[in-house]
Amino acid sequence: MSDNLQDRGSPDRKLIALGEEHEVRYWTQRFGVSEQQLRQAVEQVGNSADEVEKRLRPN
């Protein structure tokens, strides 16, 4: 186990953790949306990255 508290390990790319600033930054950039749009999508469909992507990119 590392003593480095800044090393958070590999993020889980199947779930969106809105409580983690670096996760919000990653997902907003990946989907090309604002933080508000990301939060609304997670509220509507849950924190599954696949479901959020379907909600944000319906085609």
Protein backbone atom coordinates (compact mmCIF):
# COMPACT_ATOMS: atom_id res chain seq x y z
CA MET A 1 0.00 0.00 0.00
CA SER A 2 1.32 3.40 -0.97
CA ASP A 3 1.78 6.23 1.51
CA ASN A 4 1.15 8.72 -1.31
CA LEU A 5 -2.34 10.10 -0.66
CA GLN A 6 -2.36 11.79 -4.07
CA ASP A 7 -2.13 8.43 -5.85
CA ARG A 8 -5.73 7.35 -6.15
CA GLY A 9 -5.03 4.33 -8.32
CA SER A 10 -6.79 3.49 -11.54
CA PRO A 11 -10.23 5.03 -11.84
CA ASP A 12 -13.15 2.72 -12.53
CA ARG A 13 -14.15 3.67 -16.06
CA LYS A 14 -17.49 1.86 -15.77
CA LEU A 15 -18.83 4.18 -13.07
CA ILE A 16 -18.90 7.95 -12.71
CA ALA A 17 -17.96 9.28 -9.26
CA LEU A 18 -19.33 12.82 -9.10
CA GLY A 19 -17.74 13.34 -5.69
CA GLU A 20 -14.26 13.19 -7.22
CA GLU A 21 -13.15 16.36 -9.02
CA HIS A 22 -10.74 14.50 -11.30
CA GLU A 23 -13.54 12.12 -12.33
CA VAL A 24 -15.91 14.98 -13.17
CA ARG A 25 -13.15 16.61 -15.21
CA TYR A 26 -12.41 13.35 -17.06
CA TRP A 27 -16.04 12.55 -17.90
CA THR A 28 -16.98 16.10 -18.99
CA GLN A 29 -14.01 16.10 -21.36
CA ARG A 30 -14.71 12.59 -22.60
CA PHE A 31 -18.36 13.31 -23.36
CA GLY A 32 -17.82 16.95 -24.39
CA VAL A 33 -20.44 18.27 -21.96
CA SER A 34 -20.63 20.71 -19.07
CA GLU A 35 -20.51 19.61 -15.45
CA GLN A 36 -24.19 20.48 -15.11
CA GLN A 37 -25.10 18.29 -18.11
CA LEU A 38 -23.07 15.42 -16.67
CA ARG A 39 -24.70 15.75 -13.25
CA GLN A 40 -28.19 15.85 -14.79
CA ALA A 41 -27.50 12.73 -16.84
CA VAL A 42 -26.20 10.86 -13.77
CA GLU A 43 -29.28 11.95 -11.83
CA GLN A 44 -31.54 10.62 -14.60
CA VAL A 45 -29.88 7.27 -15.36
CA GLY A 46 -27.48 6.54 -12.49
CA ASN A 47 -23.69 6.49 -12.44
CA SER A 48 -23.08 3.81 -15.08
CA ALA A 49 -20.78 5.39 -17.66
CA ASP A 50 -22.43 3.38 -20.45
CA GLU A 51 -25.92 4.58 -19.51
CA VAL A 52 -24.79 8.18 -19.11
CA GLU A 53 -23.12 8.04 -22.52
CA LYS A 54 -26.34 6.69 -24.08
CA ARG A 55 -28.27 9.55 -22.45
CA LEU A 56 -25.84 12.21 -23.63
CA ARG A 57 -25.25 10.70 -27.09
CA PRO A 58 -28.59 9.23 -28.13
CA ASN A 59 -27.43 8.13 -31.60
